[in-house]
């Protein structure tokens, strides 16, 4: 059995076993518990790679 490392916060891997992490796109949040970016809520800034309060 092969164990995978989690991607650091701000990045993701959309395929299990991917050898590298992808930078989270602007307007989305990526946590190491997700396989895909999640859109920022409407009440936060969207032009960044993290969701921050306006």
PDB file of N, CA and C in Angstrom:
ATOM      1  N   UNK A   1       0.841  -1.179   0.000  1.00  0.00           N
ATOM      2  CA  UNK A   1       0.000   0.000   0.000  1.00  0.00           C
ATOM      3  C   UNK A   1       0.886   1.242   0.000  1.00  0.00           C
ATOM      4  N   UNK A   2       0.582   2.175  -0.872  1.00  0.00           N
ATOM      5  CA  UNK A   2       1.329   3.431  -0.968  1.00  0.00           C
ATOM      6  C   UNK A   2       0.546   4.521  -0.251  1.00  0.00           C
ATOM      7  N   UNK A   3       1.242   5.290   0.574  1.00  0.00           N
ATOM      8  CA  UNK A   3       0.588   6.398   1.259  1.00  0.00           C
ATOM      9  C   UNK A   3       0.962   7.702   0.575  1.00  0.00           C
ATOM     10  N   UNK A   4      -0.008   8.575   0.411  1.00  0.00           N
ATOM     11  CA  UNK A   4       0.213   9.865  -0.246  1.00  0.00           C
ATOM     12  C   UNK A   4       0.326  10.971   0.796  1.00  0.00           C
ATOM     13  N   UNK A   5       1.152  11.960   0.498  1.00  0.00           N
ATOM     14  CA  UNK A   5       1.232  13.152   1.331  1.00  0.00           C
ATOM     15  C   UNK A   5       0.121  14.097   0.925  1.00  0.00           C
ATOM     16  N   UNK A   6      -0.392  14.849   1.898  1.00  0.00           N
ATOM     17  CA  UNK A   6      -1.393  15.860   1.597  1.00  0.00           C
ATOM     18  C   UNK A   6      -0.710  17.079   0.993  1.00  0.00           C
ATOM     19  N   UNK A   7      -1.411  17.762   0.109  1.00  0.00           N
ATOM     20  CA  UNK A   7      -0.891  19.017  -0.436  1.00  0.00           C
ATOM     21  C   UNK A   7      -0.970  20.088   0.647  1.00  0.00           C
ATOM     22  N   UNK A   8      -0.046  21.037   0.627  1.00  0.00           N
ATOM     23  CA  UNK A   8      -0.129  22.128   1.602  1.00  0.00           C
ATOM     24  C   UNK A   8      -1.328  23.022   1.304  1.00  0.00           C
ATOM     25  N   UNK A   9      -1.777  23.730   2.315  1.00  0.00           N
ATOM     26  CA  UNK A   9      -2.885  24.662   2.146  1.00  0.00           C
ATOM     27  C   UNK A   9      -2.550  25.642   1.030  1.00  0.00           C
ATOM     28  N   UNK A  10      -3.526  25.955   0.186  1.00  0.00           N
ATOM     29  CA  UNK A  10      -3.292  26.842  -0.951  1.00  0.00           C
ATOM     30  C   UNK A  10      -2.962  26.090  -2.223  1.00  0.00           C
ATOM     31  N   UNK A  11      -3.000  24.762  -2.156  1.00  0.00           N
ATOM     32  CA  UNK A  11      -2.761  23.938  -3.337  1.00  0.00           C
ATOM     33  C   UNK A  11      -3.614  22.679  -3.245  1.00  0.00           C
ATOM     34  N   UNK A  12      -3.692  21.936  -4.339  1.00  0.00           N
ATOM     35  CA  UNK A  12      -4.509  20.730  -4.365  1.00  0.00           C
ATOM     36  C   UNK A  12      -3.959  19.758  -5.390  1.00  0.00           C
ATOM     37  N   UNK A  13      -4.421  18.529  -5.324  1.00  0.00           N
ATOM     38  CA  UNK A  13      -4.118  17.505  -6.329  1.00  0.00           C
ATOM     39  C   UNK A  13      -5.453  16.876  -6.694  1.00  0.00           C
ATOM     40  N   UNK A  14      -5.881  17.030  -7.938  1.00  0.00           N
ATOM     41  CA  UNK A  14      -7.205  16.562  -8.336  1.00  0.00           C
ATOM     42  C   UNK A  14      -7.238  15.095  -8.750  1.00  0.00           C
ATOM     43  N   UNK A  15      -6.098  14.424  -8.641  1.00  0.00           N
ATOM     44  CA  UNK A  15      -6.009  13.003  -8.953  1.00  0.00           C
ATOM     45  C   UNK A  15      -5.212  12.335  -7.839  1.00  0.00           C
ATOM     46  N   UNK A  16      -5.746  11.273  -7.269  1.00  0.00           N
ATOM     47  CA  UNK A  16      -5.013  10.553  -6.228  1.00  0.00           C
ATOM     48  C   UNK A  16      -3.696  10.041  -6.795  1.00  0.00           C
ATOM     49  N   UNK A  17      -2.625  10.227  -6.054  1.00  0.00           N
ATOM     50  CA  UNK A  17      -1.318   9.750  -6.486  1.00  0.00           C
ATOM     51  C   UNK A  17      -0.548  10.718  -7.360  1.00  0.00           C
ATOM     52  N   UNK A  18      -1.100  11.912  -7.600  1.00  0.00           N
ATOM     53  CA  UNK A  18      -0.403  12.916  -8.403  1.00  0.00           C
ATOM     54  C   UNK A  18       0.933  13.245  -7.737  1.00  0.00           C
ATOM     55  N   UNK A  19       1.977  13.361  -8.507  1.00  0.00           N
ATOM     56  CA  UNK A  19       3.326  13.560  -7.966  1.00  0.00           C
ATOM     57  C   UNK A  19       3.606  15.003  -7.560  1.00  0.00           C
ATOM     58  N   UNK A  20       2.688  15.909  -7.827  1.00  0.00           N
ATOM     59  CA  UNK A  20       2.897  17.316  -7.488  1.00  0.00           C
ATOM     60  C   UNK A  20       1.556  17.943  -7.124  1.00  0.00           C
ATOM     61  N   UNK A  21       1.594  19.096  -6.487  1.00  0.00           N
ATOM     62  CA  UNK A  21       0.384  19.835  -6.118  1.00  0.00           C
ATOM     63  C   UNK A  21       0.204  21.014  -7.067  1.00  0.00           C
ATOM     64  N   UNK A  22      -1.039  21.387  -7.306  1.00  0.00           N
ATOM     65  CA  UNK A  22      -1.397  22.487  -8.201  1.00  0.00           C
ATOM     66  C   UNK A  22      -1.776  23.690  -7.341  1.00  0.00           C
ATOM     67  N   UNK A  23      -1.290  24.876  -7.685  1.00  0.00           N
ATOM     68  CA  UNK A  23      -1.633  26.091  -6.947  1.00  0.00           C
ATOM     69  C   UNK A  23      -3.116  26.385  -7.092  1.00  0.00           C
ATOM     70  N   UNK A  24      -3.741  26.721  -5.995  1.00  0.00           N
ATOM     71  CA  UNK A  24      -5.167  27.037  -5.983  1.00  0.00           C
ATOM     72  C   UNK A  24      -5.423  28.296  -6.823  1.00  0.00           C
ATOM     73  N   UNK A  25      -6.438  28.269  -7.691  1.00  0.00           N
ATOM     74  CA  UNK A  25      -6.718  29.448  -8.517  1.00  0.00           C
ATOM     75  C   UNK A  25      -7.341  30.584  -7.707  1.00  0.00           C
ATOM     76  N   UNK A  26      -7.186  31.807  -8.188  1.00  0.00           N
ATOM     77  CA  UNK A  26      -7.784  32.974  -7.540  1.00  0.00           C
ATOM     78  C   UNK A  26      -9.290  32.802  -7.455  1.00  0.00           C
ATOM     79  N   UNK A  27      -9.874  33.214  -6.325  1.00  0.00           N
ATOM     80  CA  UNK A  27     -11.312  33.111  -6.135  1.00  0.00           C
ATOM     81  C   UNK A  27     -11.754  31.785  -5.547  1.00  0.00           C
ATOM     82  N   UNK A  28     -10.796  30.928  -5.224  1.00  0.00           N
ATOM     83  CA  UNK A  28     -11.101  29.622  -4.647  1.00  0.00           C
ATOM     84  C   UNK A  28     -10.250  29.410  -3.405  1.00  0.00           C
ATOM     85  N   UNK A  29     -10.662  28.473  -2.582  1.00  0.00           N
ATOM     86  CA  UNK A  29      -9.871  28.078  -1.428  1.00  0.00           C
ATOM     87  C   UNK A  29      -9.535  26.601  -1.585  1.00  0.00           C
ATOM     88  N   UNK A  30      -8.317  26.252  -1.229  1.00  0.00           N
ATOM     89  CA  UNK A  30      -7.864  24.863  -1.304  1.00  0.00           C
ATOM     90  C   UNK A  30      -7.296  24.478   0.051  1.00  0.00           C
ATOM     91  N   UNK A  31      -7.828  23.422   0.617  1.00  0.00           N
ATOM     92  CA  UNK A  31      -7.289  22.907   1.870  1.00  0.00           C
ATOM     93  C   UNK A  31      -6.738  21.521   1.610  1.00  0.00           C
ATOM     94  N   UNK A  32      -5.892  21.056   2.476  1.00  0.00           N
ATOM     95  CA  UNK A  32      -5.288  19.747   2.248  1.00  0.00           C
ATOM     96  C   UNK A  32      -6.267  18.597   2.440  1.00  0.00           C
ATOM     97  N   UNK A  33      -7.518  18.896   2.792  1.00  0.00           N
ATOM     98  CA  UNK A  33      -8.515  17.839   2.940  1.00  0.00           C
ATOM     99  C   UNK A  33      -9.414  17.733   1.713  1.00  0.00           C
ATOM    100  N   UNK A  34      -9.199  18.554   0.712  1.00  0.00           N
ATOM    101  CA  UNK A  34     -10.026  18.571  -0.500  1.00  0.00           C
ATOM    102  C   UNK A  34      -9.227  18.137  -1.713  1.00  0.00           C
ATOM    103  N   UNK A  35      -9.917  17.508  -2.662  1.00  0.00           N
ATOM    104  CA  UNK A  35      -9.269  17.120  -3.907  1.00  0.00           C
ATOM    105  C   UNK A  35      -9.464  18.158  -4.998  1.00  0.00           C
ATOM    106  N   UNK A  36     -10.322  19.149  -4.751  1.00  0.00           N
ATOM    107  CA  UNK A  36     -10.595  20.167  -5.766  1.00  0.00           C
ATOM    108  C   UNK A  36     -10.811  21.517  -5.083  1.00  0.00           C
ATOM    109  N   UNK A  37     -10.535  22.608  -5.786  1.00  0.00           N
ATOM    110  CA  UNK A  37     -10.768  23.942  -5.229  1.00  0.00           C
ATOM    111  C   UNK A  37     -12.249  24.169  -4.946  1.00  0.00           C
ATOM    112  N   UNK A  38     -12.529  24.933  -3.903  1.00  0.00           N
ATOM    113  CA  UNK A  38     -13.892  25.288  -3.526  1.00  0.00           C
ATOM    114  C   UNK A  38     -14.031  26.796  -3.714  1.00  0.00           C
ATOM    115  N   UNK A  39     -15.099  27.262  -4.402  1.00  0.00           N
ATOM    116  CA  UNK A  39     -15.264  28.708  -4.601  1.00  0.00           C
ATOM    117  C   UNK A  39     -15.341  29.454  -3.269  1.00  0.00           C
ATOM    118  N   UNK A  40     -14.751  30.647  -3.225  1.00  0.00           N
ATOM    119  CA  UNK A  40     -14.860  31.485  -2.035  1.00  0.00           C
ATOM    120  C   UNK A  40     -16.317  31.888  -1.847  1.00  0.00           C
ATOM    121  N   UNK A  41     -16.763  32.036  -0.600  1.00  0.00           N
ATOM    122  CA  UNK A  41     -18.108  32.553  -0.364  1.00  0.00           C
ATOM    123  C   UNK A  41     -18.233  33.967  -0.933  1.00  0.00           C
ATOM    124  N   UNK A  42     -19.437  34.408  -1.197  1.00  0.00           N
ATOM    125  CA  UNK A  42     -19.656  35.708  -1.840  1.00  0.00           C
ATOM    126  C   UNK A  42     -19.253  36.893  -0.970  1.00  0.00           C
ATOM    127  N   UNK A  43     -19.095  36.701   0.348  1.00  0.00           N
ATOM    128  CA  UNK A  43     -18.766  37.825   1.230  1.00  0.00           C
ATOM    129  C   UNK A  43     -17.269  37.983   1.476  1.00  0.00           C
ATOM    130  N   UNK A  44     -16.440  37.359   0.644  1.00  0.00           N
ATOM    131  CA  UNK A  44     -14.992  37.486   0.805  1.00  0.00           C
ATOM    132  C   UNK A  44     -14.338  37.894  -0.505  1.00  0.00           C
ATOM    133  N   UNK A  45     -13.116  38.396  -0.419  1.00  0.00           N
ATOM    134  CA  UNK A  45     -12.377  38.816  -1.611  1.00  0.00           C
ATOM    135  C   UNK A  45     -12.090  37.616  -2.500  1.00  0.00           C
ATOM    136  N   UNK A  46     -12.210  37.782  -3.810  1.00  0.00           N
ATOM    137  CA  UNK A  46     -12.047  36.679  -4.734  1.00  0.00           C
ATOM    138  C   UNK A  46     -10.820  36.784  -5.624  1.00  0.00           C
ATOM    139  N   UNK A  47     -10.066  37.856  -5.577  1.00  0.00           N
ATOM    140  CA  UNK A  47      -8.933  38.020  -6.480  1.00  0.00           C
ATOM    141  C   UNK A  47      -7.626  37.505  -5.905  1.00  0.00           C
ATOM    142  N   UNK A  48      -7.694  36.564  -4.989  1.00  0.00           N
ATOM    143  CA  UNK A  48      -6.501  36.053  -4.336  1.00  0.00           C
ATOM    144  C   UNK A  48      -6.525  34.528  -4.362  1.00  0.00           C
ATOM    145  N   UNK A  49      -5.463  33.896  -3.919  1.00  0.00           N
ATOM    146  CA  UNK A  49      -5.453  32.435  -3.869  1.00  0.00           C
ATOM    147  C   UNK A  49      -5.963  31.912  -2.533  1.00  0.00           C
ATOM    148  N   UNK A  50      -6.355  32.822  -1.653  1.00  0.00           N
ATOM    149  CA  UNK A  50      -7.027  32.446  -0.406  1.00  0.00           C
ATOM    150  C   UNK A  50      -8.280  33.299  -0.292  1.00  0.00           C
ATOM    151  N   UNK A  51      -9.257  32.854   0.471  1.00  0.00           N
ATOM    152  CA  UNK A  51     -10.473  33.637   0.700  1.00  0.00           C
ATOM    153  C   UNK A  51     -10.243  34.487   1.947  1.00  0.00           C
ATOM    154  N   UNK A  52     -10.260  35.802   1.786  1.00  0.00           N
ATOM    155  CA  UNK A  52     -10.076  36.676   2.940  1.00  0.00           C
ATOM    156  C   UNK A  52     -11.223  37.669   3.016  1.00  0.00           C
ATOM    157  N   UNK A  53     -11.494  38.148   4.220  1.00  0.00           N
ATOM    158  CA  UNK A  53     -12.593  39.089   4.419  1.00  0.00           C
ATOM    159  C   UNK A  53     -12.378  40.349   3.609  1.00  0.00           C
ATOM    160  N   UNK A  54     -13.467  40.905   3.112  1.00  0.00           N
ATOM    161  CA  UNK A  54     -13.394  42.156   2.349  1.00  0.00           C
ATOM    162  C   UNK A  54     -13.176  43.313   3.280  1.00  0.00           C
TER     163      UNK A  54
END
